[in-house]
N, C-alpha and C. Protein backbone atom coordinates (compact mmCIF):
# COMPACT_ATOMS: atom_id res chain seq x y z
N UNK A 1 -1.67 6.09 25.94
CA UNK A 1 -0.21 5.86 25.96
C UNK A 1 0.50 7.24 25.85
N UNK A 2 1.50 7.47 26.61
CA UNK A 2 2.18 8.69 26.64
C UNK A 2 3.03 8.92 25.44
N UNK A 3 2.92 10.06 24.89
CA UNK A 3 3.78 10.51 23.81
C UNK A 3 4.77 11.45 24.19
N UNK A 4 6.06 11.25 24.01
CA UNK A 4 7.32 12.24 24.46
C UNK A 4 7.15 13.53 23.77
N UNK A 5 7.38 14.58 24.48
CA UNK A 5 7.27 15.80 23.84
C UNK A 5 8.14 16.12 22.59
N UNK A 6 9.29 15.44 22.40
CA UNK A 6 9.93 15.46 21.15
C UNK A 6 9.17 15.00 19.97
N UNK A 7 8.44 13.78 20.12
CA UNK A 7 7.72 13.23 19.26
C UNK A 7 6.51 14.16 18.65
N UNK A 8 5.85 14.81 19.76
CA UNK A 8 4.78 15.67 19.54
C UNK A 8 5.31 16.86 18.65
N UNK A 9 6.51 17.30 19.05
CA UNK A 9 6.92 18.57 18.28
C UNK A 9 7.49 18.36 16.89
N UNK A 10 8.06 16.97 16.64
CA UNK A 10 8.47 16.66 15.41
C UNK A 10 7.34 16.47 14.59
N UNK A 11 6.22 15.78 14.93
CA UNK A 11 4.96 15.70 14.27
C UNK A 11 4.27 17.05 13.86
N UNK A 12 4.37 17.97 14.80
CA UNK A 12 3.58 19.32 14.70
C UNK A 12 4.58 20.06 13.54
N UNK A 13 6.07 19.71 13.47
CA UNK A 13 6.87 20.49 12.50
C UNK A 13 6.50 19.85 11.16
N UNK A 14 6.26 18.54 11.06
CA UNK A 14 5.87 17.92 9.86
C UNK A 14 4.60 18.67 9.21
N UNK A 15 3.71 18.73 10.02
CA UNK A 15 2.27 19.12 9.61
C UNK A 15 2.36 20.59 9.29
N UNK A 16 3.21 21.48 10.17
CA UNK A 16 3.39 22.90 9.80
C UNK A 16 4.07 23.08 8.46
N UNK A 17 4.94 22.02 8.06
CA UNK A 17 5.67 22.18 6.96
C UNK A 17 4.84 21.87 5.68
N UNK A 18 3.58 21.59 5.80
CA UNK A 18 2.65 21.15 4.70
C UNK A 18 2.90 19.71 4.19
N UNK A 19 3.57 18.91 5.12
CA UNK A 19 3.75 17.40 4.62
C UNK A 19 2.50 16.73 4.97
N UNK A 20 1.98 16.03 4.06
CA UNK A 20 0.60 15.30 4.23
C UNK A 20 0.84 13.81 4.07
N UNK A 21 1.94 13.31 3.74
CA UNK A 21 2.20 11.87 3.43
C UNK A 21 3.62 11.70 4.31
N UNK A 22 3.41 10.54 5.08
CA UNK A 22 4.62 9.99 5.63
C UNK A 22 4.72 8.63 5.24
N UNK A 23 5.92 8.01 4.80
CA UNK A 23 6.20 6.77 4.68
C UNK A 23 7.21 6.33 5.62
N UNK A 24 7.03 5.17 6.16
CA UNK A 24 8.00 4.80 7.36
C UNK A 24 8.27 3.35 7.25
N UNK A 25 9.56 3.03 7.76
CA UNK A 25 9.93 1.53 8.04
C UNK A 25 9.90 1.48 9.53
N UNK A 26 9.16 0.45 10.15
CA UNK A 26 9.17 0.42 11.54
C UNK A 26 10.39 0.40 12.34
N UNK A 27 10.29 1.14 13.47
CA UNK A 27 11.50 1.60 14.32
C UNK A 27 10.82 1.83 15.74
N UNK A 28 11.49 1.37 16.84
CA UNK A 28 10.98 1.69 18.13
C UNK A 28 10.96 3.28 18.48
N UNK A 29 12.07 3.88 18.35
CA UNK A 29 11.93 5.38 18.59
C UNK A 29 10.86 6.16 17.62
N UNK A 30 10.79 5.74 16.48
CA UNK A 30 9.78 6.29 15.68
C UNK A 30 8.42 5.97 15.94
N UNK A 31 8.24 4.83 16.68
CA UNK A 31 6.90 4.49 17.02
C UNK A 31 6.15 5.77 17.76
N UNK A 32 7.00 6.38 18.62
CA UNK A 32 6.47 7.48 19.35
C UNK A 32 5.94 8.63 18.52
N UNK A 33 6.79 8.89 17.45
CA UNK A 33 6.39 9.88 16.48
C UNK A 33 5.07 9.54 15.44
N UNK A 34 5.19 8.24 15.37
CA UNK A 34 3.96 7.70 14.62
C UNK A 34 2.64 7.72 15.37
N UNK A 35 2.73 7.45 16.65
CA UNK A 35 1.56 7.64 17.56
C UNK A 35 1.10 9.01 17.52
N UNK A 36 2.02 10.01 17.63
CA UNK A 36 1.60 11.42 17.70
C UNK A 36 0.96 11.89 16.42
N UNK A 37 1.50 11.33 15.31
CA UNK A 37 0.86 11.52 13.97
C UNK A 37 -0.67 10.91 13.88
N UNK A 38 -0.67 9.81 14.21
CA UNK A 38 -1.93 9.05 14.11
C UNK A 38 -2.98 9.65 15.17
N UNK A 39 -2.58 10.11 16.31
CA UNK A 39 -3.57 10.52 17.24
C UNK A 39 -3.91 11.94 17.19
N UNK A 40 -3.04 12.74 16.70
CA UNK A 40 -3.14 14.13 16.73
C UNK A 40 -3.30 14.99 15.40
N UNK A 41 -2.90 14.16 14.19
CA UNK A 41 -3.01 14.86 12.94
C UNK A 41 -3.68 13.85 11.91
N UNK A 42 -4.95 13.91 11.93
CA UNK A 42 -5.69 12.94 11.16
C UNK A 42 -5.66 13.38 9.76
N UNK A 43 -5.28 14.49 9.26
CA UNK A 43 -5.19 14.95 7.71
C UNK A 43 -3.96 14.37 7.12
N UNK A 44 -3.14 13.91 7.92
CA UNK A 44 -1.75 13.31 7.41
C UNK A 44 -1.98 11.84 7.17
N UNK A 45 -1.48 11.33 6.12
CA UNK A 45 -1.60 9.93 5.79
C UNK A 45 -0.25 9.28 6.20
N UNK A 46 -0.43 8.04 6.79
CA UNK A 46 0.98 7.36 7.04
C UNK A 46 0.87 6.09 6.49
N UNK A 47 1.99 5.75 5.72
CA UNK A 47 2.06 4.36 5.00
C UNK A 47 3.32 3.72 5.43
N UNK A 48 3.10 2.26 5.72
CA UNK A 48 4.24 1.51 6.03
C UNK A 48 4.82 0.88 4.91
N UNK A 49 6.28 0.78 4.80
CA UNK A 49 7.01 0.17 3.88
C UNK A 49 7.81 -0.92 4.45
N UNK A 50 8.09 -1.99 3.55
CA UNK A 50 8.95 -2.92 4.22
C UNK A 50 10.34 -2.90 4.09
N UNK A 51 10.77 -2.10 3.43
CA UNK A 51 12.21 -1.65 3.24
C UNK A 51 12.38 -0.21 2.97
N UNK A 52 13.51 0.28 3.16
CA UNK A 52 13.79 1.68 2.98
C UNK A 52 13.86 2.17 1.53
N UNK A 53 14.44 1.40 0.65
CA UNK A 53 14.40 1.81 -0.67
C UNK A 53 12.92 1.76 -1.19
N UNK A 54 11.87 0.82 -0.71
CA UNK A 54 10.65 0.92 -1.02
C UNK A 54 10.06 2.26 -0.57
N UNK A 55 10.30 2.73 0.77
CA UNK A 55 9.68 3.89 1.04
C UNK A 55 10.19 5.10 0.32
N UNK A 56 11.48 5.19 -0.23
CA UNK A 56 11.90 6.17 -1.11
C UNK A 56 11.10 6.10 -2.27
N UNK A 57 10.83 4.97 -2.96
CA UNK A 57 10.10 4.78 -4.07
C UNK A 57 8.63 5.36 -4.01
N UNK A 58 7.92 4.96 -2.99
CA UNK A 58 6.68 5.51 -2.51
C UNK A 58 6.70 6.99 -2.52
N UNK A 59 7.69 7.58 -1.58
CA UNK A 59 7.67 8.95 -1.62
C UNK A 59 7.82 9.69 -2.89
N UNK A 60 8.64 9.12 -3.76
CA UNK A 60 9.07 9.71 -5.03
C UNK A 60 7.65 9.87 -5.89
N UNK A 61 6.89 8.73 -5.84
CA UNK A 61 5.55 8.58 -6.46
C UNK A 61 4.63 9.56 -5.94
N UNK A 62 4.62 9.69 -4.68
CA UNK A 62 3.70 10.71 -3.94
C UNK A 62 4.14 12.13 -4.37
N UNK A 63 5.31 12.41 -4.51
CA UNK A 63 5.76 13.76 -4.85
C UNK A 63 5.37 14.13 -6.24
N UNK A 64 5.56 12.96 -7.13
CA UNK A 64 5.11 13.34 -8.53
C UNK A 64 3.81 13.57 -8.64
N UNK A 65 2.89 13.12 -7.65
CA UNK A 65 1.52 13.27 -7.69
C UNK A 65 1.11 14.36 -7.11
N UNK A 66 2.05 15.27 -6.61
CA UNK A 66 1.79 16.66 -5.97
C UNK A 66 1.62 16.70 -4.50
N UNK A 67 2.15 15.64 -3.84
CA UNK A 67 2.03 15.65 -2.36
C UNK A 67 3.54 15.94 -1.80
N UNK A 68 3.51 16.62 -0.75
CA UNK A 68 4.80 16.65 0.19
C UNK A 68 5.01 15.41 0.98
N UNK A 69 6.18 14.97 1.00
CA UNK A 69 6.33 13.65 1.80
C UNK A 69 7.60 13.76 2.79
N UNK A 70 7.42 12.87 3.70
CA UNK A 70 8.55 12.57 4.54
C UNK A 70 8.78 11.19 4.72
N UNK A 71 10.05 10.69 4.89
CA UNK A 71 10.31 9.18 5.02
C UNK A 71 11.01 9.05 6.41
N UNK A 72 10.35 8.21 7.29
CA UNK A 72 10.79 8.02 8.50
C UNK A 72 11.66 6.59 8.48
N UNK A 73 13.05 6.72 9.04
CA UNK A 73 13.78 5.41 8.95
C UNK A 73 14.79 5.56 10.11
N UNK A 74 15.37 4.35 10.22
CA UNK A 74 16.54 4.23 11.36
C UNK A 74 17.76 4.30 10.68
N UNK A 75 18.71 4.92 11.36
CA UNK A 75 20.12 5.13 10.83
C UNK A 75 20.59 3.88 10.00
N UNK A 76 20.47 2.84 10.72
CA UNK A 76 20.99 1.56 10.06
C UNK A 76 20.33 1.30 8.65
N UNK A 77 19.07 1.59 8.57
CA UNK A 77 18.23 1.59 7.35
C UNK A 77 18.96 2.42 6.26
N UNK A 78 19.56 3.45 6.51
CA UNK A 78 20.22 4.30 5.50
C UNK A 78 21.16 3.52 4.60
N UNK A 79 21.90 2.59 5.20
CA UNK A 79 22.83 1.85 4.54
C UNK A 79 22.27 0.85 3.63
N UNK A 80 20.92 0.49 3.96
CA UNK A 80 20.30 -0.47 3.03
C UNK A 80 19.83 0.31 1.80
N UNK A 81 19.55 1.51 1.91
CA UNK A 81 18.78 2.32 0.87
C UNK A 81 19.72 3.27 -0.04
N UNK A 82 20.96 3.29 0.15
CA UNK A 82 21.84 4.22 -0.50
C UNK A 82 21.52 4.28 -2.08
N UNK A 83 21.42 3.22 -2.71
CA UNK A 83 21.35 3.27 -4.14
C UNK A 83 20.02 3.91 -4.60
N UNK A 84 18.87 3.47 -3.89
CA UNK A 84 17.58 4.19 -4.22
C UNK A 84 17.70 5.64 -3.82
N UNK A 85 18.17 5.91 -2.73
CA UNK A 85 18.39 7.39 -2.39
C UNK A 85 19.10 8.16 -3.38
N UNK A 86 20.21 7.65 -3.94
CA UNK A 86 21.14 8.37 -4.73
C UNK A 86 20.67 8.38 -6.13
N UNK A 87 20.09 7.21 -6.64
CA UNK A 87 19.76 7.15 -8.02
C UNK A 87 18.24 7.60 -8.27
N UNK A 88 17.48 7.87 -7.31
CA UNK A 88 15.98 8.19 -7.51
C UNK A 88 15.94 9.74 -6.89
N UNK A 89 16.02 9.84 -5.57
CA UNK A 89 15.82 11.12 -5.06
C UNK A 89 16.71 12.22 -5.36
N UNK A 90 17.94 11.98 -5.39
CA UNK A 90 19.06 12.79 -5.48
C UNK A 90 19.16 13.04 -7.07
N UNK A 91 19.30 12.00 -7.72
CA UNK A 91 19.59 12.19 -9.30
C UNK A 91 18.33 12.88 -9.87
N UNK A 92 16.99 12.72 -9.48
CA UNK A 92 15.90 13.34 -10.12
C UNK A 92 15.41 14.60 -9.40
N UNK A 93 16.10 15.01 -8.45
CA UNK A 93 15.92 16.35 -7.62
C UNK A 93 14.37 16.06 -7.04
N UNK A 94 14.04 14.87 -6.43
CA UNK A 94 12.87 14.82 -5.75
C UNK A 94 12.97 15.18 -4.24
N UNK A 95 12.36 16.34 -3.77
CA UNK A 95 12.48 16.80 -2.50
C UNK A 95 11.74 15.90 -1.53
N UNK A 96 12.45 15.44 -0.58
CA UNK A 96 11.78 14.45 0.35
C UNK A 96 12.47 14.74 1.75
N UNK A 97 11.71 14.97 2.93
CA UNK A 97 12.39 15.13 4.14
C UNK A 97 12.56 13.82 4.70
N UNK A 98 13.79 13.53 5.02
CA UNK A 98 14.16 12.16 5.68
C UNK A 98 14.28 12.50 7.11
N UNK A 99 13.41 11.67 8.00
CA UNK A 99 13.54 11.76 9.50
C UNK A 99 14.11 10.50 9.94
N UNK A 100 15.52 10.66 10.49
CA UNK A 100 16.32 9.50 10.71
C UNK A 100 16.51 9.32 12.21
N UNK A 101 15.94 8.30 12.92
CA UNK A 101 16.31 8.07 14.22
C UNK A 101 17.75 7.40 14.39
N UNK A 102 18.57 7.96 15.08
CA UNK A 102 19.98 7.55 15.19
C UNK A 102 20.14 6.53 16.12
N UNK A 103 20.86 5.37 15.63
CA UNK A 103 21.25 4.30 16.48
C UNK A 103 22.70 4.24 16.45
N UNK A 104 23.34 3.71 17.43
CA UNK A 104 24.77 3.65 17.48
C UNK A 104 25.41 4.75 18.11
N UNK A 105 24.84 5.63 18.58
CA UNK A 105 25.42 6.83 19.35
C UNK A 105 25.59 6.43 20.84
N UNK A 106 26.22 7.29 21.61
CA UNK A 106 26.36 7.07 22.96
C UNK A 106 25.25 6.54 23.64
N UNK A 107 25.50 5.53 24.46
CA UNK A 107 24.41 4.72 25.25
C UNK A 107 23.83 3.48 24.37
N UNK A 108 24.36 3.30 23.13
CA UNK A 108 23.93 2.26 22.25
C UNK A 108 24.33 0.87 23.11
N UNK A 109 23.34 -0.16 22.87
CA UNK A 109 23.56 -1.25 23.61
C UNK A 109 24.11 -2.33 22.53
N UNK A 110 23.81 -2.07 21.32
CA UNK A 110 24.04 -3.04 20.14
C UNK A 110 25.40 -2.53 19.39
N UNK A 111 26.30 -3.05 19.51
CA UNK A 111 27.66 -2.50 18.92
C UNK A 111 27.62 -2.58 17.24
N UNK A 112 26.62 -3.51 16.83
CA UNK A 112 26.56 -3.59 15.27
C UNK A 112 25.89 -2.25 14.81
N UNK A 113 25.37 -1.34 15.55
CA UNK A 113 24.76 -0.17 15.15
C UNK A 113 25.86 0.91 15.06
N UNK A 114 26.90 0.83 15.57
CA UNK A 114 27.96 1.83 15.70
C UNK A 114 28.57 2.28 14.47
N UNK A 115 29.09 1.34 13.75
CA UNK A 115 29.65 1.77 12.34
C UNK A 115 28.78 2.51 11.54
N UNK A 116 27.51 2.31 11.40
CA UNK A 116 26.62 3.02 10.47
C UNK A 116 26.44 4.50 11.04
N UNK A 117 26.13 4.45 12.34
CA UNK A 117 25.90 5.81 13.03
C UNK A 117 27.19 6.77 12.75
N UNK A 118 28.44 6.22 12.69
CA UNK A 118 29.54 7.17 12.37
C UNK A 118 29.44 7.62 10.86
N UNK A 119 28.98 7.01 9.96
CA UNK A 119 28.86 7.26 8.71
C UNK A 119 27.55 8.02 8.15
N UNK A 120 26.61 8.23 9.05
CA UNK A 120 25.37 8.80 8.33
C UNK A 120 25.69 10.12 7.82
N UNK A 121 26.23 11.02 8.83
CA UNK A 121 26.49 12.45 8.26
C UNK A 121 27.37 12.52 7.06
N UNK A 122 28.58 11.96 7.06
CA UNK A 122 29.48 11.91 5.80
C UNK A 122 28.86 11.41 4.61
N UNK A 123 28.11 10.26 4.71
CA UNK A 123 27.52 9.67 3.50
C UNK A 123 26.43 10.71 2.94
N UNK A 124 25.56 11.27 3.92
CA UNK A 124 24.48 12.21 3.48
C UNK A 124 25.21 13.37 2.78
N UNK A 125 26.37 13.89 3.33
CA UNK A 125 27.02 15.10 2.86
C UNK A 125 27.65 14.78 1.48
N UNK A 126 28.06 13.48 1.32
CA UNK A 126 28.69 13.01 -0.11
C UNK A 126 27.66 13.03 -1.10
N UNK A 127 26.34 12.79 -0.65
CA UNK A 127 25.21 12.92 -1.63
C UNK A 127 24.65 14.23 -1.80
N UNK A 128 25.17 15.07 -1.11
CA UNK A 128 24.53 16.62 -1.27
C UNK A 128 23.40 16.68 -0.41
N UNK A 129 23.12 15.94 0.56
CA UNK A 129 22.06 15.96 1.31
C UNK A 129 22.32 16.64 2.77
N UNK A 130 21.74 17.87 2.85
CA UNK A 130 22.16 18.54 4.14
C UNK A 130 21.35 17.96 5.25
N UNK A 131 21.99 18.05 6.57
CA UNK A 131 21.39 17.43 7.58
C UNK A 131 21.22 18.51 8.64
N UNK A 132 20.18 18.25 9.42
CA UNK A 132 19.68 19.11 10.50
C UNK A 132 19.57 18.16 11.89
N UNK A 133 20.01 18.53 12.87
CA UNK A 133 20.04 17.62 14.03
C UNK A 133 18.92 18.27 15.23
N UNK A 134 18.05 17.61 15.50
CA UNK A 134 17.04 18.07 16.49
C UNK A 134 17.69 17.84 17.79
N UNK A 135 18.16 19.09 18.37
CA UNK A 135 18.95 19.17 19.78
C UNK A 135 18.04 18.98 21.05
N UNK A 136 16.93 19.24 20.98
CA UNK A 136 16.08 19.22 22.08
C UNK A 136 14.55 19.09 21.54
N UNK A 137 13.70 18.75 22.55
CA UNK A 137 12.14 18.79 22.29
C UNK A 137 11.83 20.10 21.89
N UNK A 138 12.35 21.05 22.70
CA UNK A 138 11.79 22.55 22.34
C UNK A 138 12.25 23.09 20.92
N UNK A 139 13.23 22.46 20.45
CA UNK A 139 13.78 22.99 19.15
C UNK A 139 13.29 22.07 17.95
N UNK A 140 12.37 21.00 18.37
CA UNK A 140 12.08 19.96 17.38
C UNK A 140 11.42 20.53 16.07
N UNK A 141 10.21 21.22 16.67
CA UNK A 141 9.36 21.76 15.39
C UNK A 141 10.09 22.69 14.51
N UNK A 142 10.75 23.66 15.08
CA UNK A 142 11.44 24.61 14.22
C UNK A 142 12.60 23.91 13.26
N UNK A 143 13.20 23.06 13.96
CA UNK A 143 14.28 22.20 13.16
C UNK A 143 13.57 21.52 11.89
N UNK A 144 12.50 20.83 12.22
CA UNK A 144 11.93 20.01 11.18
C UNK A 144 11.35 21.08 9.88
N UNK A 145 10.75 22.25 10.44
CA UNK A 145 10.33 23.16 9.55
C UNK A 145 11.54 23.74 8.69
N UNK A 146 12.67 23.89 9.26
CA UNK A 146 13.75 24.54 8.59
C UNK A 146 14.28 23.42 7.47
N UNK A 147 14.39 22.10 7.92
CA UNK A 147 14.71 21.03 7.02
C UNK A 147 13.76 20.99 5.89
N UNK A 148 12.47 20.91 6.29
CA UNK A 148 11.56 20.81 5.20
C UNK A 148 11.71 21.92 4.18
N UNK A 149 11.71 23.23 4.68
CA UNK A 149 11.81 24.37 3.80
C UNK A 149 12.90 24.22 2.87
N UNK A 150 13.93 23.87 3.32
CA UNK A 150 15.19 23.55 2.46
C UNK A 150 14.97 22.55 1.36
N UNK A 151 14.30 21.49 1.77
CA UNK A 151 13.97 20.48 0.74
C UNK A 151 13.04 20.91 -0.21
N UNK A 152 12.04 21.43 0.07
CA UNK A 152 10.98 21.94 -0.95
C UNK A 152 11.31 23.12 -1.55
N UNK A 153 12.19 24.11 -0.93
CA UNK A 153 12.57 25.35 -1.55
C UNK A 153 13.62 24.97 -2.67
N UNK A 154 14.41 23.94 -2.52
CA UNK A 154 15.62 23.81 -3.46
C UNK A 154 15.42 22.59 -4.17
N UNK A 155 14.39 21.76 -4.07
CA UNK A 155 14.13 20.53 -4.73
C UNK A 155 15.21 19.48 -4.53
N UNK A 156 15.55 19.38 -3.09
CA UNK A 156 16.65 18.22 -2.73
C UNK A 156 16.05 17.50 -1.60
N UNK A 157 16.55 16.43 -1.37
CA UNK A 157 16.35 15.65 -0.08
C UNK A 157 17.19 16.20 0.94
N UNK A 158 16.54 16.35 2.19
CA UNK A 158 17.16 16.88 3.39
C UNK A 158 16.85 15.78 4.47
N UNK A 159 17.71 15.92 5.42
CA UNK A 159 17.60 14.87 6.64
C UNK A 159 17.52 15.59 7.82
N UNK A 160 16.64 15.15 8.64
CA UNK A 160 16.47 15.64 10.02
C UNK A 160 16.81 14.49 10.95
N UNK A 161 17.91 14.65 11.66
CA UNK A 161 18.38 13.51 12.60
C UNK A 161 17.91 13.70 14.03
N UNK A 162 17.36 12.50 14.46
CA UNK A 162 16.91 12.37 15.79
C UNK A 162 17.76 11.73 16.79
N UNK A 163 18.67 12.33 17.35
CA UNK A 163 19.80 11.67 18.09
C UNK A 163 19.18 10.74 19.21
N UNK A 164 20.03 9.82 19.51
CA UNK A 164 19.50 8.77 20.63
C UNK A 164 19.23 9.52 22.05
N UNK A 165 20.19 10.53 22.27
CA UNK A 165 19.85 11.26 23.49
C UNK A 165 18.43 11.85 23.62
N UNK A 166 17.84 12.21 22.43
CA UNK A 166 16.53 12.92 22.33
C UNK A 166 15.51 11.66 22.42
N UNK A 167 15.70 10.63 21.67
CA UNK A 167 14.52 9.60 21.64
C UNK A 167 14.61 8.60 22.62
N UNK A 168 15.76 8.48 23.28
CA UNK A 168 15.82 7.27 24.18
C UNK A 168 16.15 7.86 25.62
N UNK A 169 15.22 8.06 26.50
CA UNK A 169 15.51 8.62 27.83
C UNK A 169 16.52 7.84 28.70
N UNK A 170 17.29 8.39 29.45
CA UNK A 170 18.18 7.59 30.39
C UNK A 170 17.38 6.93 31.34
N UNK A 171 17.89 5.62 31.71
CA UNK A 171 17.16 4.92 32.62
C UNK A 171 17.30 5.47 34.06
N UNK A 172 16.32 5.30 34.85
CA UNK A 172 16.27 5.83 36.27
C UNK A 172 17.45 5.09 37.08
N UNK A 173 18.23 5.97 37.80
CA UNK A 173 19.34 5.21 38.61
C UNK A 173 20.26 4.33 37.86
N UNK A 174 20.52 4.79 36.63
CA UNK A 174 21.45 4.04 35.61
C UNK A 174 20.87 2.60 35.36
N UNK A 175 19.59 2.38 35.43
CA UNK A 175 19.15 1.19 35.10
C UNK A 175 19.08 0.13 36.25
N UNK A 176 19.43 0.49 37.44
CA UNK A 176 19.61 -0.25 38.79
C UNK A 176 18.31 0.04 39.56
N UNK A 177 17.63 -1.00 39.88
CA UNK A 177 16.43 -0.76 40.65
C UNK A 177 16.72 -1.01 42.30
């Protein structure tokens, strides 16, 4: 199965950053990244969580056990997990790299995703979580490495945003056959 270049580069960035544990909540765009991790980076352990706040709890435990972690989630899941994020990762200075696939941006088909997409950056900023946006497949590895270096260098959570224009290719002929 084809792995898009952006997913391969994000996976490489995670590994090059020393991250060895990834906790995730299932999401379609992130499935490409997970496939890249599972097929090309066997030393990295991937754990599924049923909810975002559970993923943050698992990541915190792994960090306290000496492991570098990343949590993969969809932007709408950020809203579900704000209490766990703020009262655990932020309050106790647990460095974690959040890799967030953005829904609700230009080209979104589900209007229910749009309000949360508008609030991701301001909410993270209010919590003191710096965001990095992956602008292209070519920039993905370096962007992930920069975000991870900040997280682990300063003991803060940081977020790496994967915009819809990166993870969801435009349909051929505007979707018309």
